[in-house]
Amino acid sequence: MIAIALQSANMITIESLNVEYSSNHARSRKIDQFMNQMRSPTKYNIGFWDVGYTYEVAQTPISDWIGYSSYSEFEYNP
């Protein structure tokens, strides 16, 4: 119920993920390849008025969970 309410209010989005970074660095390409080889890569965006959290997770072939998160702050200006 809570997840549906948050999605309806556009405060959370859940989407399948095909990882692609804009950076051309070799390290970023390795992360792209690694995450895209995992099962069910998913991106969760949780946003409030001035703060945003992003979680990108996937399941390894042996059913472990891996992922990383990022945090954004915005200046609220109505």
C-alpha atoms as a PDB file:
ATOM      1  CA  MET A   1       0.000   0.000   0.000  1.00  0.00           C
ATOM      2  CA  ILE A   2       2.782   2.410   0.923  1.00  0.00           C
ATOM      3  CA  ALA A   3       4.755   1.617  -2.249  1.00  0.00           C
ATOM      4  CA  ILE A   4       1.675   2.253  -4.406  1.00  0.00           C
ATOM      5  CA  ALA A   5       1.013   5.567  -2.661  1.00  0.00           C
ATOM      6  CA  LEU A   6       4.630   6.693  -3.115  1.00  0.00           C
ATOM      7  CA  GLN A   7       4.597   5.707  -6.796  1.00  0.00           C
ATOM      8  CA  SER A   8       1.306   7.551  -7.334  1.00  0.00           C
ATOM      9  CA  ALA A   9       2.816  10.678  -5.767  1.00  0.00           C
ATOM     10  CA  ASN A  10       5.914  10.321  -8.009  1.00  0.00           C
ATOM     11  CA  MET A  11       8.096  10.069  -4.916  1.00  0.00           C
ATOM     12  CA  ILE A  12       9.496   6.661  -5.904  1.00  0.00           C
ATOM     13  CA  THR A  13      10.155   5.015  -9.245  1.00  0.00           C
ATOM     14  CA  ILE A  14      11.176   1.430  -9.810  1.00  0.00           C
ATOM     15  CA  GLU A  15      12.558   0.449 -13.205  1.00  0.00           C
ATOM     16  CA  SER A  16      14.520  -2.300 -14.911  1.00  0.00           C
ATOM     17  CA  LEU A  17      18.048  -1.228 -15.463  1.00  0.00           C
ATOM     18  CA  ASN A  18      20.519  -1.393 -18.304  1.00  0.00           C
ATOM     19  CA  VAL A  19      23.536   0.304 -16.777  1.00  0.00           C
ATOM     20  CA  GLU A  20      25.225   2.907 -18.959  1.00  0.00           C
ATOM     21  CA  TYR A  21      27.416   5.669 -17.654  1.00  0.00           C
ATOM     22  CA  SER A  22      28.272   8.763 -19.654  1.00  0.00           C
ATOM     23  CA  SER A  23      31.880   8.617 -18.574  1.00  0.00           C
ATOM     24  CA  ASN A  24      34.425   7.160 -20.963  1.00  0.00           C
ATOM     25  CA  HIS A  25      36.708   5.983 -18.174  1.00  0.00           C
ATOM     26  CA  ALA A  26      37.727   2.330 -18.284  1.00  0.00           C
ATOM     27  CA  ARG A  27      36.505   1.872 -14.693  1.00  0.00           C
ATOM     28  CA  SER A  28      32.984   3.030 -15.618  1.00  0.00           C
ATOM     29  CA  ARG A  29      32.855   0.646 -18.576  1.00  0.00           C
ATOM     30  CA  LYS A  30      33.866  -2.227 -16.287  1.00  0.00           C
ATOM     31  CA  ILE A  31      31.044  -1.373 -13.875  1.00  0.00           C
ATOM     32  CA  ASP A  32      28.621  -1.249 -16.839  1.00  0.00           C
ATOM     33  CA  GLN A  33      29.664  -4.676 -18.047  1.00  0.00           C
ATOM     34  CA  PHE A  34      29.655  -6.204 -14.578  1.00  0.00           C
ATOM     35  CA  MET A  35      26.195  -4.927 -13.561  1.00  0.00           C
ATOM     36  CA  ASN A  36      24.641  -5.858 -16.909  1.00  0.00           C
ATOM     37  CA  GLN A  37      25.839  -9.466 -16.494  1.00  0.00           C
ATOM     38  CA  MET A  38      23.914  -9.819 -13.231  1.00  0.00           C
ATOM     39  CA  ARG A  39      20.311 -10.994 -12.880  1.00  0.00           C
ATOM     40  CA  SER A  40      17.467  -8.510 -12.575  1.00  0.00           C
ATOM     41  CA  PRO A  41      19.347  -5.212 -12.376  1.00  0.00           C
ATOM     42  CA  THR A  42      16.896  -2.708 -10.912  1.00  0.00           C
ATOM     43  CA  LYS A  43      17.052   1.001 -10.184  1.00  0.00           C
ATOM     44  CA  TYR A  44      15.105   2.574  -7.326  1.00  0.00           C
ATOM     45  CA  ASN A  45      14.725   6.356  -7.269  1.00  0.00           C
ATOM     46  CA  ILE A  46      13.314   7.808  -4.068  1.00  0.00           C
ATOM     47  CA  GLY A  47      12.751  11.528  -4.114  1.00  0.00           C
ATOM     48  CA  PHE A  48      11.445  14.059  -1.700  1.00  0.00           C
ATOM     49  CA  TRP A  49      11.182  17.797  -2.229  1.00  0.00           C
ATOM     50  CA  ASP A  50      14.846  18.557  -1.663  1.00  0.00           C
ATOM     51  CA  VAL A  51      16.587  15.170  -1.397  1.00  0.00           C
ATOM     52  CA  GLY A  52      16.924  12.264  -3.794  1.00  0.00           C
ATOM     53  CA  TYR A  53      18.302   8.762  -3.293  1.00  0.00           C
ATOM     54  CA  THR A  54      19.137   6.286  -6.051  1.00  0.00           C
ATOM     55  CA  TYR A  55      19.831   2.617  -5.439  1.00  0.00           C
ATOM     56  CA  GLU A  56      20.998   0.317  -8.236  1.00  0.00           C
ATOM     57  CA  VAL A  57      20.945  -3.349  -7.269  1.00  0.00           C
ATOM     58  CA  ALA A  58      21.275  -6.720  -8.978  1.00  0.00           C
ATOM     59  CA  GLN A  59      21.483 -10.358  -8.038  1.00  0.00           C
ATOM     60  CA  THR A  60      24.643 -12.385  -8.700  1.00  0.00           C
ATOM     61  CA  PRO A  61      24.525 -15.892 -10.218  1.00  0.00           C
ATOM     62  CA  ILE A  62      24.904 -17.361  -6.709  1.00  0.00           C
ATOM     63  CA  SER A  63      21.965 -15.254  -5.431  1.00  0.00           C
ATOM     64  CA  ASP A  64      23.974 -12.643  -3.532  1.00  0.00           C
ATOM     65  CA  TRP A  65      22.842  -9.015  -3.841  1.00  0.00           C
ATOM     66  CA  ILE A  66      25.184  -6.283  -5.023  1.00  0.00           C
ATOM     67  CA  GLY A  67      24.679  -2.630  -5.721  1.00  0.00           C
ATOM     68  CA  TYR A  68      25.488   0.939  -4.958  1.00  0.00           C
ATOM     69  CA  SER A  69      23.704   4.097  -3.979  1.00  0.00           C
ATOM     70  CA  SER A  70      23.889   7.813  -4.670  1.00  0.00           C
ATOM     71  CA  TYR A  71      22.477  10.839  -2.931  1.00  0.00           C
ATOM     72  CA  SER A  72      21.403  14.224  -4.353  1.00  0.00           C
ATOM     73  CA  GLU A  73      20.385  17.437  -2.667  1.00  0.00           C
ATOM     74  CA  PHE A  74      18.323  20.155  -4.304  1.00  0.00           C
ATOM     75  CA  GLU A  75      17.397  23.640  -3.289  1.00  0.00           C
ATOM     76  CA  TYR A  76      13.628  23.749  -2.952  1.00  0.00           C
ATOM     77  CA  ASN A  77      12.285  26.820  -4.736  1.00  0.00           C
ATOM     78  CA  PRO A  78       8.497  26.870  -5.104  1.00  0.00           C
END
